[in-house]
PDB file of N, CA and C in Angstrom:
ATOM      1  N   UNK A   1     130.909  99.387  82.765  1.00  0.00           N
ATOM      2  CA  UNK A   1     131.409  99.961  83.967  1.00  0.00           C
ATOM      3  C   UNK A   1     131.096 101.259  84.475  1.00  0.00           C
ATOM      4  N   UNK A   2     130.911 102.307  83.513  1.00  0.00           N
ATOM      5  CA  UNK A   2     130.588 103.552  83.829  1.00  0.00           C
ATOM      6  C   UNK A   2     128.952 103.551  84.038  1.00  0.00           C
ATOM      7  N   UNK A   3     128.169 102.641  83.891  1.00  0.00           N
ATOM      8  CA  UNK A   3     126.552 102.649  84.041  1.00  0.00           C
ATOM      9  C   UNK A   3     126.114 102.935  85.249  1.00  0.00           C
ATOM     10  N   UNK A   4     127.251 102.221  86.301  1.00  0.00           N
ATOM     11  CA  UNK A   4     126.621 102.082  87.691  1.00  0.00           C
ATOM     12  C   UNK A   4     126.758 103.591  88.248  1.00  0.00           C
ATOM     13  N   UNK A   5     127.822 104.317  87.709  1.00  0.00           N
ATOM     14  CA  UNK A   5     127.884 105.766  88.186  1.00  0.00           C
ATOM     15  C   UNK A   5     126.779 106.730  87.677  1.00  0.00           C
ATOM     16  N   UNK A   6     126.197 106.371  86.576  1.00  0.00           N
ATOM     17  CA  UNK A   6     125.149 107.258  85.903  1.00  0.00           C
ATOM     18  C   UNK A   6     123.881 106.770  86.797  1.00  0.00           C
ATOM     19  N   UNK A   7     123.489 105.842  86.961  1.00  0.00           N
ATOM     20  CA  UNK A   7     122.168 105.468  87.441  1.00  0.00           C
ATOM     21  C   UNK A   7     121.692 105.936  88.832  1.00  0.00           C
ATOM     22  N   UNK A   8     122.683 106.109  89.642  1.00  0.00           N
ATOM     23  CA  UNK A   8     122.081 106.883  90.985  1.00  0.00           C
ATOM     24  C   UNK A   8     122.036 108.353  90.809  1.00  0.00           C
ATOM     25  N   UNK A   9     122.847 109.082  90.095  1.00  0.00           N
ATOM     26  CA  UNK A   9     122.240 110.563  89.938  1.00  0.00           C
ATOM     27  C   UNK A   9     121.136 110.662  89.146  1.00  0.00           C
ATOM     28  N   UNK A  10     120.834 109.803  88.243  1.00  0.00           N
ATOM     29  CA  UNK A  10     119.620 109.781  87.313  1.00  0.00           C
ATOM     30  C   UNK A  10     118.483 109.663  87.830  1.00  0.00           C
ATOM     31  N   UNK A  11     118.709 108.826  88.939  1.00  0.00           N
ATOM     32  CA  UNK A  11     117.394 108.376  89.867  1.00  0.00           C
ATOM     33  C   UNK A  11     117.024 109.642  90.528  1.00  0.00           C
ATOM     34  N   UNK A  12     118.204 110.352  91.346  1.00  0.00           N
ATOM     35  CA  UNK A  12     117.903 111.452  92.233  1.00  0.00           C
ATOM     36  C   UNK A  12     117.265 112.490  91.601  1.00  0.00           C
ATOM     37  N   UNK A  13     117.907 112.748  90.270  1.00  0.00           N
ATOM     38  CA  UNK A  13     117.488 114.007  89.532  1.00  0.00           C
ATOM     39  C   UNK A  13     115.936 113.658  88.927  1.00  0.00           C
ATOM     40  N   UNK A  14     115.591 112.662  88.700  1.00  0.00           N
ATOM     41  CA  UNK A  14     114.253 112.269  88.147  1.00  0.00           C
ATOM     42  C   UNK A  14     113.288 112.419  89.362  1.00  0.00           C
ATOM     43  N   UNK A  15     113.616 112.048  90.635  1.00  0.00           N
ATOM     44  CA  UNK A  15     112.756 112.178  91.596  1.00  0.00           C
ATOM     45  C   UNK A  15     112.705 113.886  92.071  1.00  0.00           C
ATOM     46  N   UNK A  16     113.828 114.355  92.041  1.00  0.00           N
ATOM     47  CA  UNK A  16     113.647 115.931  92.190  1.00  0.00           C
ATOM     48  C   UNK A  16     113.013 116.513  91.065  1.00  0.00           C
ATOM     49  N   UNK A  17     113.142 116.146  89.942  1.00  0.00           N
ATOM     50  CA  UNK A  17     112.340 116.818  88.698  1.00  0.00           C
ATOM     51  C   UNK A  17     110.760 116.772  88.871  1.00  0.00           C
ATOM     52  N   UNK A  18     110.432 115.362  89.400  1.00  0.00           N
ATOM     53  CA  UNK A  18     109.013 115.262  89.756  1.00  0.00           C
ATOM     54  C   UNK A  18     108.467 116.052  90.603  1.00  0.00           C
ATOM     55  N   UNK A  19     109.233 116.266  91.833  1.00  0.00           N
ATOM     56  CA  UNK A  19     108.709 117.025  92.898  1.00  0.00           C
ATOM     57  C   UNK A  19     108.893 118.411  92.456  1.00  0.00           C
ATOM     58  N   UNK A  20     109.814 118.933  91.828  1.00  0.00           N
ATOM     59  CA  UNK A  20     109.906 120.253  91.360  1.00  0.00           C
ATOM     60  C   UNK A  20     108.691 120.664  90.354  1.00  0.00           C
ATOM     61  N   UNK A  21     108.490 119.645  89.429  1.00  0.00           N
ATOM     62  CA  UNK A  21     107.329 119.900  88.604  1.00  0.00           C
ATOM     63  C   UNK A  21     106.086 119.983  89.303  1.00  0.00           C
ATOM     64  N   UNK A  22     105.699 119.198  90.287  1.00  0.00           N
ATOM     65  CA  UNK A  22     104.542 119.227  90.934  1.00  0.00           C
ATOM     66  C   UNK A  22     104.336 120.438  91.802  1.00  0.00           C
ATOM     67  N   UNK A  23     105.378 120.843  92.375  1.00  0.00           N
ATOM     68  CA  UNK A  23     105.201 122.183  93.211  1.00  0.00           C
ATOM     69  C   UNK A  23     105.297 123.373  92.458  1.00  0.00           C
ATOM     70  N   UNK A  24     105.993 123.569  91.440  1.00  0.00           N
ATOM     71  CA  UNK A  24     105.932 124.683  90.489  1.00  0.00           C
ATOM     72  C   UNK A  24     104.655 124.859  89.822  1.00  0.00           C
ATOM     73  N   UNK A  25     104.106 123.553  89.268  1.00  0.00           N
ATOM     74  CA  UNK A  25     102.735 123.705  88.763  1.00  0.00           C
ATOM     75  C   UNK A  25     101.510 124.130  89.783  1.00  0.00           C
ATOM     76  N   UNK A  26     101.622 123.610  90.986  1.00  0.00           N
ATOM     77  CA  UNK A  26     100.779 123.838  92.153  1.00  0.00           C
ATOM     78  C   UNK A  26     100.629 125.378  92.381  1.00  0.00           C
ATOM     79  N   UNK A  27     101.995 125.864  92.614  1.00  0.00           N
ATOM     80  CA  UNK A  27     102.075 127.284  92.766  1.00  0.00           C
ATOM     81  C   UNK A  27     101.629 128.233  91.654  1.00  0.00           C
ATOM     82  N   UNK A  28     102.044 127.881  90.324  1.00  0.00           N
ATOM     83  CA  UNK A  28     101.313 128.669  89.145  1.00  0.00           C
ATOM     84  C   UNK A  28      99.763 128.582  89.405  1.00  0.00           C
ATOM     85  N   UNK A  29      99.163 127.464  89.481  1.00  0.00           N
ATOM     86  CA  UNK A  29      97.928 127.428  89.418  1.00  0.00           C
ATOM     87  C   UNK A  29      97.218 128.216  90.403  1.00  0.00           C
ATOM     88  N   UNK A  30      97.719 128.163  91.790  1.00  0.00           N
ATOM     89  CA  UNK A  30      97.090 128.962  92.891  1.00  0.00           C
ATOM     90  C   UNK A  30      97.411 130.320  92.508  1.00  0.00           C
ATOM     91  N   UNK A  31      98.460 130.893  92.042  1.00  0.00           N
ATOM     92  CA  UNK A  31      98.801 132.190  91.683  1.00  0.00           C
ATOM     93  C   UNK A  31      97.650 132.808  90.743  1.00  0.00           C
ATOM     94  N   UNK A  32      97.402 131.889  89.699  1.00  0.00           N
ATOM     95  CA  UNK A  32      96.533 132.201  88.466  1.00  0.00           C
ATOM     96  C   UNK A  32      95.087 132.349  88.994  1.00  0.00           C
ATOM     97  N   UNK A  33      94.665 131.582  90.014  1.00  0.00           N
ATOM     98  CA  UNK A  33      93.465 131.688  90.608  1.00  0.00           C
ATOM     99  C   UNK A  33      93.208 132.952  91.521  1.00  0.00           C
ATOM    100  N   UNK A  34      94.211 133.286  92.315  1.00  0.00           N
ATOM    101  CA  UNK A  34      94.303 134.387  93.094  1.00  0.00           C
ATOM    102  C   UNK A  34      94.453 135.703  92.269  1.00  0.00           C
ATOM    103  N   UNK A  35      95.015 135.718  91.163  1.00  0.00           N
ATOM    104  CA  UNK A  35      94.882 136.805  90.133  1.00  0.00           C
ATOM    105  C   UNK A  35      93.588 137.025  89.635  1.00  0.00           C
ATOM    106  N   UNK A  36      92.808 135.988  89.523  1.00  0.00           N
ATOM    107  CA  UNK A  36      91.324 136.082  88.924  1.00  0.00           C
ATOM    108  C   UNK A  36      90.429 136.455  89.939  1.00  0.00           C
ATOM    109  N   UNK A  37      90.793 136.536  91.362  1.00  0.00           N
ATOM    110  CA  UNK A  37      90.033 136.844  92.332  1.00  0.00           C
ATOM    111  C   UNK A  37      89.230 135.649  93.035  1.00  0.00           C
ATOM    112  N   UNK A  38      89.711 134.379  92.833  1.00  0.00           N
ATOM    113  CA  UNK A  38      88.818 133.413  93.195  1.00  0.00           C
ATOM    114  C   UNK A  38      89.504 133.145  94.814  1.00  0.00           C
ATOM    115  N   UNK A  39      88.239 132.850  95.596  1.00  0.00           N
ATOM    116  CA  UNK A  39      88.789 132.695  96.913  1.00  0.00           C
ATOM    117  C   UNK A  39      89.793 131.489  97.171  1.00  0.00           C
ATOM    118  N   UNK A  40      90.612 132.039  98.042  1.00  0.00           N
ATOM    119  CA  UNK A  40      91.769 130.868  98.170  1.00  0.00           C
ATOM    120  C   UNK A  40      91.444 129.793  99.081  1.00  0.00           C
ATOM    121  N   UNK A  41      90.263 129.836  99.754  1.00  0.00           N
ATOM    122  CA  UNK A  41      89.907 128.804 100.697  1.00  0.00           C
ATOM    123  C   UNK A  41      89.535 127.415 100.207  1.00  0.00           C
ATOM    124  N   UNK A  42      89.569 127.301  98.737  1.00  0.00           N
ATOM    125  CA  UNK A  42      89.250 126.072  98.082  1.00  0.00           C
ATOM    126  C   UNK A  42      90.568 124.935  98.328  1.00  0.00           C
ATOM    127  N   UNK A  43      91.651 125.775  98.573  1.00  0.00           N
ATOM    128  CA  UNK A  43      92.833 124.986  98.678  1.00  0.00           C
ATOM    129  C   UNK A  43      92.854 124.221 100.128  1.00  0.00           C
ATOM    130  N   UNK A  44      92.160 124.992 101.119  1.00  0.00           N
ATOM    131  CA  UNK A  44      92.298 124.376 102.424  1.00  0.00           C
ATOM    132  C   UNK A  44      90.882 123.916 102.883  1.00  0.00           C
ATOM    133  N   UNK A  45      90.098 123.442 101.963  1.00  0.00           N
ATOM    134  CA  UNK A  45      88.745 122.863 102.515  1.00  0.00           C
ATOM    135  C   UNK A  45      88.985 121.452 102.897  1.00  0.00           C
ATOM    136  N   UNK A  46      88.237 121.275 104.115  1.00  0.00           N
ATOM    137  CA  UNK A  46      88.279 119.902 104.695  1.00  0.00           C
ATOM    138  C   UNK A  46      87.149 119.080 104.051  1.00  0.00           C
ATOM    139  N   UNK A  47      87.600 118.366 103.269  1.00  0.00           N
ATOM    140  CA  UNK A  47      86.472 117.246 102.573  1.00  0.00           C
ATOM    141  C   UNK A  47      86.458 115.846 103.157  1.00  0.00           C
ATOM    142  N   UNK A  48      86.980 115.664 104.248  1.00  0.00           N
ATOM    143  CA  UNK A  48      87.005 114.352 104.930  1.00  0.00           C
ATOM    144  C   UNK A  48      85.582 113.893 105.364  1.00  0.00           C
ATOM    145  N   UNK A  49      85.392 112.726 105.128  1.00  0.00           N
ATOM    146  CA  UNK A  49      83.866 112.218 105.508  1.00  0.00           C
ATOM    147  C   UNK A  49      83.754 111.768 107.165  1.00  0.00           C
ATOM    148  N   UNK A  50      84.871 111.659 107.728  1.00  0.00           N
ATOM    149  CA  UNK A  50      84.702 111.585 109.218  1.00  0.00           C
ATOM    150  C   UNK A  50      85.505 110.088 109.292  1.00  0.00           C
ATOM    151  N   UNK A  51      85.587 109.317 108.177  1.00  0.00           N
ATOM    152  CA  UNK A  51      86.111 107.957 108.376  1.00  0.00           C
ATOM    153  C   UNK A  51      87.719 108.133 108.129  1.00  0.00           C
ATOM    154  N   UNK A  52      88.559 107.751 109.148  1.00  0.00           N
ATOM    155  CA  UNK A  52      89.938 107.953 109.296  1.00  0.00           C
ATOM    156  C   UNK A  52      90.443 107.216 107.966  1.00  0.00           C
ATOM    157  N   UNK A  53      91.549 107.740 107.204  1.00  0.00           N
ATOM    158  CA  UNK A  53      92.231 107.232 106.117  1.00  0.00           C
ATOM    159  C   UNK A  53      92.742 105.887 106.515  1.00  0.00           C
ATOM    160  N   UNK A  54      93.317 105.593 107.647  1.00  0.00           N
ATOM    161  CA  UNK A  54      93.923 104.249 107.918  1.00  0.00           C
ATOM    162  C   UNK A  54      92.781 102.958 107.725  1.00  0.00           C
ATOM    163  N   UNK A  55      91.478 103.636 108.013  1.00  0.00           N
ATOM    164  CA  UNK A  55      90.467 102.449 108.045  1.00  0.00           C
ATOM    165  C   UNK A  55      90.129 102.057 106.599  1.00  0.00           C
ATOM    166  N   UNK A  56      90.240 103.045 105.823  1.00  0.00           N
ATOM    167  CA  UNK A  56      90.053 102.732 104.301  1.00  0.00           C
ATOM    168  C   UNK A  56      90.950 101.911 103.885  1.00  0.00           C
ATOM    169  N   UNK A  57      92.497 102.244 104.360  1.00  0.00           N
ATOM    170  CA  UNK A  57      93.580 101.575 103.600  1.00  0.00           C
ATOM    171  C   UNK A  57      93.708 100.258 104.310  1.00  0.00           C
ATOM    172  N   UNK A  58      93.338  99.906 105.439  1.00  0.00           N
ATOM    173  CA  UNK A  58      93.211  98.446 105.993  1.00  0.00           C
ATOM    174  C   UNK A  58      92.491  97.706 105.220  1.00  0.00           C
ATOM    175  N   UNK A  59      90.972  98.189 104.998  1.00  0.00           N
ATOM    176  CA  UNK A  59      89.896  97.459 104.383  1.00  0.00           C
ATOM    177  C   UNK A  59      90.338  97.150 102.953  1.00  0.00           C
ATOM    178  N   UNK A  60      91.055  98.154 102.256  1.00  0.00           N
ATOM    179  CA  UNK A  60      91.597  97.697 100.900  1.00  0.00           C
ATOM    180  C   UNK A  60      92.576  96.692 100.910  1.00  0.00           C
ATOM    181  N   UNK A  61      93.764  96.722 101.799  1.00  0.00           N
ATOM    182  CA  UNK A  61      94.657  95.976 101.899  1.00  0.00           C
ATOM    183  C   UNK A  61      94.118  94.407 102.444  1.00  0.00           C
ATOM    184  N   UNK A  62      93.220  94.447 103.152  1.00  0.00           N
ATOM    185  CA  UNK A  62      92.494  93.232 103.493  1.00  0.00           C
ATOM    186  C   UNK A  62      91.794  92.385 102.320  1.00  0.00           C
ATOM    187  N   UNK A  63      91.071  93.219 101.594  1.00  0.00           N
ATOM    188  CA  UNK A  63      90.384  92.733 100.589  1.00  0.00           C
ATOM    189  C   UNK A  63      91.139  92.369  99.461  1.00  0.00           C
ATOM    190  N   UNK A  64      92.383  93.028  99.368  1.00  0.00           N
ATOM    191  CA  UNK A  64      93.387  92.646  98.265  1.00  0.00           C
ATOM    192  C   UNK A  64      94.114  91.277  98.666  1.00  0.00           C
ATOM    193  N   UNK A  65      94.519  91.191  99.886  1.00  0.00           N
ATOM    194  CA  UNK A  65      95.163  90.029 100.499  1.00  0.00           C
ATOM    195  C   UNK A  65      94.030  88.786 100.435  1.00  0.00           C
ATOM    196  N   UNK A  66      92.928  88.915 100.775  1.00  0.00           N
ATOM    197  CA  UNK A  66      91.812  88.032 100.461  1.00  0.00           C
ATOM    198  C   UNK A  66      91.738  87.453  99.111  1.00  0.00           C
ATOM    199  N   UNK A  67      91.852  88.486  98.383  1.00  0.00           N
ATOM    200  CA  UNK A  67      91.540  88.263  96.790  1.00  0.00           C
ATOM    201  C   UNK A  67      92.687  87.370  96.201  1.00  0.00           C
ATOM    202  N   UNK A  68      93.953  87.629  96.622  1.00  0.00           N
ATOM    203  CA  UNK A  68      95.109  87.142  96.296  1.00  0.00           C
ATOM    204  C   UNK A  68      95.142  85.726  96.852  1.00  0.00           C
ATOM    205  N   UNK A  69      94.653  85.448  98.000  1.00  0.00           N
ATOM    206  CA  UNK A  69      94.542  84.105  98.501  1.00  0.00           C
ATOM    207  C   UNK A  69      93.514  83.166  97.749  1.00  0.00           C
ATOM    208  N   UNK A  70      92.510  83.944  97.561  1.00  0.00           N
ATOM    209  CA  UNK A  70      91.347  83.122  96.873  1.00  0.00           C
ATOM    210  C   UNK A  70      91.895  82.622  95.407  1.00  0.00           C
ATOM    211  N   UNK A  71      92.704  83.822  94.769  1.00  0.00           N
ATOM    212  CA  UNK A  71      93.225  83.410  93.181  1.00  0.00           C
ATOM    213  C   UNK A  71      94.321  82.350  93.345  1.00  0.00           C
ATOM    214  N   UNK A  72      95.034  82.050  94.489  1.00  0.00           N
ATOM    215  CA  UNK A  72      95.867  80.971  94.544  1.00  0.00           C
ATOM    216  C   UNK A  72      95.225  79.797  94.795  1.00  0.00           C
ATOM    217  N   UNK A  73      94.103  79.879  95.608  1.00  0.00           N
ATOM    218  CA  UNK A  73      93.284  78.759  95.979  1.00  0.00           C
ATOM    219  C   UNK A  73      92.636  78.136  94.737  1.00  0.00           C
ATOM    220  N   UNK A  74      92.031  79.135  94.040  1.00  0.00           N
ATOM    221  CA  UNK A  74      91.214  78.619  92.748  1.00  0.00           C
ATOM    222  C   UNK A  74      92.122  78.229  91.797  1.00  0.00           C
ATOM    223  N   UNK A  75      93.490  78.598  91.658  1.00  0.00           N
ATOM    224  CA  UNK A  75      94.526  78.253  90.638  1.00  0.00           C
ATOM    225  C   UNK A  75      94.764  76.899  90.873  1.00  0.00           C
ATOM    226  N   UNK A  76      94.907  76.598  92.219  1.00  0.00           N
ATOM    227  CA  UNK A  76      95.468  75.174  92.556  1.00  0.00           C
ATOM    228  C   UNK A  76      94.535  74.243  92.297  1.00  0.00           C
ATOM    229  N   UNK A  77      93.197  74.615  92.566  1.00  0.00           N
ATOM    230  CA  UNK A  77      92.030  73.618  92.277  1.00  0.00           C
ATOM    231  C   UNK A  77      91.996  73.488  90.837  1.00  0.00           C
ATOM    232  N   UNK A  78      91.926  74.486  90.056  1.00  0.00           N
ATOM    233  CA  UNK A  78      91.958  74.228  88.748  1.00  0.00           C
ATOM    234  C   UNK A  78      93.170  73.625  88.146  1.00  0.00           C
ATOM    235  N   UNK A  79      94.151  73.749  88.429  1.00  0.00           N
ATOM    236  CA  UNK A  79      95.648  73.012  88.069  1.00  0.00           C
ATOM    237  C   UNK A  79      95.230  71.636  88.297  1.00  0.00           C
ATOM    238  N   UNK A  80      94.714  71.303  89.548  1.00  0.00           N
ATOM    239  CA  UNK A  80      94.660  69.790  89.769  1.00  0.00           C
ATOM    240  C   UNK A  80      93.553  69.164  89.050  1.00  0.00           C
ATOM    241  N   UNK A  81      92.598  70.048  88.946  1.00  0.00           N
ATOM    242  CA  UNK A  81      91.290  69.322  88.008  1.00  0.00           C
ATOM    243  C   UNK A  81      91.529  69.346  86.615  1.00  0.00           C
ATOM    244  N   UNK A  82      92.224  70.207  85.844  1.00  0.00           N
ATOM    245  CA  UNK A  82      92.413  70.306  84.414  1.00  0.00           C
ATOM    246  C   UNK A  82      93.907  69.864  83.990  1.00  0.00           C
ATOM    247  N   UNK A  83      94.900  69.665  84.939  1.00  0.00           N
ATOM    248  CA  UNK A  83      96.233  69.135  84.740  1.00  0.00           C
ATOM    249  C   UNK A  83      96.808  70.066  83.692  1.00  0.00           C
ATOM    250  N   UNK A  84      96.977  71.312  83.809  1.00  0.00           N
ATOM    251  CA  UNK A  84      97.426  72.191  82.821  1.00  0.00           C
ATOM    252  C   UNK A  84      98.789  72.211  83.047  1.00  0.00           C
ATOM    253  N   UNK A  85      99.699  71.894  82.174  1.00  0.00           N
ATOM    254  CA  UNK A  85     101.257  72.038  82.140  1.00  0.00           C
ATOM    255  C   UNK A  85     101.782  73.382  82.013  1.00  0.00           C
ATOM    256  N   UNK A  86     102.291  74.022  82.867  1.00  0.00           N
ATOM    257  CA  UNK A  86     103.117  75.325  82.779  1.00  0.00           C
ATOM    258  C   UNK A  86     102.286  76.335  82.165  1.00  0.00           C
ATOM    259  N   UNK A  87     101.009  76.463  82.281  1.00  0.00           N
ATOM    260  CA  UNK A  87     100.183  77.515  81.831  1.00  0.00           C
ATOM    261  C   UNK A  87     100.166  78.842  82.564  1.00  0.00           C
ATOM    262  N   UNK A  88      99.717  79.572  82.069  1.00  0.00           N
ATOM    263  CA  UNK A  88      99.484  80.890  82.805  1.00  0.00           C
ATOM    264  C   UNK A  88      98.334  80.898  83.715  1.00  0.00           C
ATOM    265  N   UNK A  89      98.037  80.075  84.326  1.00  0.00           N
ATOM    266  CA  UNK A  89      96.791  79.763  85.246  1.00  0.00           C
ATOM    267  C   UNK A  89      96.935  80.376  86.575  1.00  0.00           C
ATOM    268  N   UNK A  90      98.144  80.382  87.184  1.00  0.00           N
ATOM    269  CA  UNK A  90      98.451  81.112  88.350  1.00  0.00           C
ATOM    270  C   UNK A  90      98.290  82.496  88.317  1.00  0.00           C
ATOM    271  N   UNK A  91      99.284  83.190  87.502  1.00  0.00           N
ATOM    272  CA  UNK A  91      99.055  84.693  87.724  1.00  0.00           C
ATOM    273  C   UNK A  91      97.869  85.015  87.172  1.00  0.00           C
ATOM    274  N   UNK A  92      97.048  84.249  86.212  1.00  0.00           N
ATOM    275  CA  UNK A  92      95.777  84.903  85.736  1.00  0.00           C
ATOM    276  C   UNK A  92      94.711  84.880  86.803  1.00  0.00           C
ATOM    277  N   UNK A  93      94.763  83.732  87.574  1.00  0.00           N
ATOM    278  CA  UNK A  93      93.681  83.532  88.708  1.00  0.00           C
ATOM    279  C   UNK A  93      94.171  84.622  89.809  1.00  0.00           C
ATOM    280  N   UNK A  94      95.413  84.857  89.965  1.00  0.00           N
ATOM    281  CA  UNK A  94      95.742  85.626  91.143  1.00  0.00           C
ATOM    282  C   UNK A  94      95.447  87.131  90.514  1.00  0.00           C
ATOM    283  N   UNK A  95      95.761  87.614  89.412  1.00  0.00           N
ATOM    284  CA  UNK A  95      95.376  88.853  89.099  1.00  0.00           C
ATOM    285  C   UNK A  95      93.802  89.276  89.018  1.00  0.00           C
ATOM    286  N   UNK A  96      93.193  88.219  88.472  1.00  0.00           N
ATOM    287  CA  UNK A  96      91.582  88.470  88.512  1.00  0.00           C
ATOM    288  C   UNK A  96      90.922  88.665  89.802  1.00  0.00           C
ATOM    289  N   UNK A  97      91.400  87.663  90.716  1.00  0.00           N
ATOM    290  CA  UNK A  97      90.811  87.632  91.930  1.00  0.00           C
ATOM    291  C   UNK A  97      91.333  88.694  92.691  1.00  0.00           C
ATOM    292  N   UNK A  98      92.563  89.442  92.661  1.00  0.00           N
ATOM    293  CA  UNK A  98      93.087  90.509  93.324  1.00  0.00           C
ATOM    294  C   UNK A  98      92.316  91.778  92.827  1.00  0.00           C
ATOM    295  N   UNK A  99      92.056  91.973  91.602  1.00  0.00           N
ATOM    296  CA  UNK A  99      91.396  92.955  91.243  1.00  0.00           C
ATOM    297  C   UNK A  99      89.903  92.994  91.651  1.00  0.00           C
ATOM    298  N   UNK A 100      89.394  91.673  91.691  1.00  0.00           N
ATOM    299  CA  UNK A 100      87.856  91.675  92.309  1.00  0.00           C
ATOM    300  C   UNK A 100      87.931  92.187  93.710  1.00  0.00           C
ATOM    301  N   UNK A 101      89.071  91.779  94.440  1.00  0.00           N
ATOM    302  CA  UNK A 101      89.199  92.144  96.050  1.00  0.00           C
ATOM    303  C   UNK A 101      89.388  93.570  96.069  1.00  0.00           C
ATOM    304  N   UNK A 102      90.019  94.148  95.273  1.00  0.00           N
ATOM    305  CA  UNK A 102      90.352  95.599  95.212  1.00  0.00           C
ATOM    306  C   UNK A 102      88.755  96.294  95.017  1.00  0.00           C
ATOM    307  N   UNK A 103      88.192  95.699  94.002  1.00  0.00           N
ATOM    308  CA  UNK A 103      86.880  96.135  93.728  1.00  0.00           C
ATOM    309  C   UNK A 103      86.092  96.190  94.905  1.00  0.00           C
ATOM    310  N   UNK A 104      86.050  95.082  95.403  1.00  0.00           N
ATOM    311  CA  UNK A 104      85.159  94.798  96.705  1.00  0.00           C
ATOM    312  C   UNK A 104      85.337  95.703  97.878  1.00  0.00           C
ATOM    313  N   UNK A 105      86.981  96.050  97.912  1.00  0.00           N
ATOM    314  CA  UNK A 105      87.248  97.074  98.950  1.00  0.00           C
ATOM    315  C   UNK A 105      86.919  98.236  98.743  1.00  0.00           C
ATOM    316  N   UNK A 106      86.977  98.723  97.249  1.00  0.00           N
ATOM    317  CA  UNK A 106      86.631 100.140  96.944  1.00  0.00           C
ATOM    318  C   UNK A 106      85.015 100.249  97.418  1.00  0.00           C
ATOM    319  N   UNK A 107      84.266  99.280  97.074  1.00  0.00           N
ATOM    320  CA  UNK A 107      82.848  99.366  97.386  1.00  0.00           C
ATOM    321  C   UNK A 107      82.449  99.439  98.931  1.00  0.00           C
ATOM    322  N   UNK A 108      83.114  98.636  99.715  1.00  0.00           N
ATOM    323  CA  UNK A 108      83.079  98.766 101.071  1.00  0.00           C
ATOM    324  C   UNK A 108      83.351 100.195 101.632  1.00  0.00           C
ATOM    325  N   UNK A 109      84.609 100.623 101.108  1.00  0.00           N
ATOM    326  CA  UNK A 109      85.014 101.906 101.609  1.00  0.00           C
ATOM    327  C   UNK A 109      84.120 102.946 101.210  1.00  0.00           C
ATOM    328  N   UNK A 110      83.656 102.864  99.958  1.00  0.00           N
ATOM    329  CA  UNK A 110      82.517 103.885  99.546  1.00  0.00           C
ATOM    330  C   UNK A 110      81.314 103.914 100.419  1.00  0.00           C
ATOM    331  N   UNK A 111      80.945 102.758 101.001  1.00  0.00           N
ATOM    332  CA  UNK A 111      79.809 102.333 101.830  1.00  0.00           C
ATOM    333  C   UNK A 111      79.987 103.286 103.255  1.00  0.00           C
ATOM    334  N   UNK A 112      81.251 103.042 103.638  1.00  0.00           N
ATOM    335  CA  UNK A 112      81.696 103.849 104.885  1.00  0.00           C
ATOM    336  C   UNK A 112      81.523 105.115 104.884  1.00  0.00           C
ATOM    337  N   UNK A 113      81.750 105.799 103.832  1.00  0.00           N
ATOM    338  CA  UNK A 113      81.674 107.355 103.716  1.00  0.00           C
ATOM    339  C   UNK A 113      80.020 107.696 103.498  1.00  0.00           C
TER     340      UNK A 113
END
């Protein structure tokens, strides 16, 4: 009965702890670099390649969805051909083709830059 009361604060505290740790570490790194005399412009460098980030996200999501669809189709074909009973054929084909789709999306996005 008491576990419901504990879960919500633990979730919020863990999210707060992650953000606090990230911001605190970033601040300490920047202060250490400034103390050493390193130019602070490295934090504000604009390293974009001219390709908007939304195009890269759309390409990766499209390749992921194409890979998942291909994995389902190949699993269905293999299931009908080999008559496998309750095997791990569907998840394995889906994950393999999704990974190949993400790899293809990475290659396409890399070529855009």
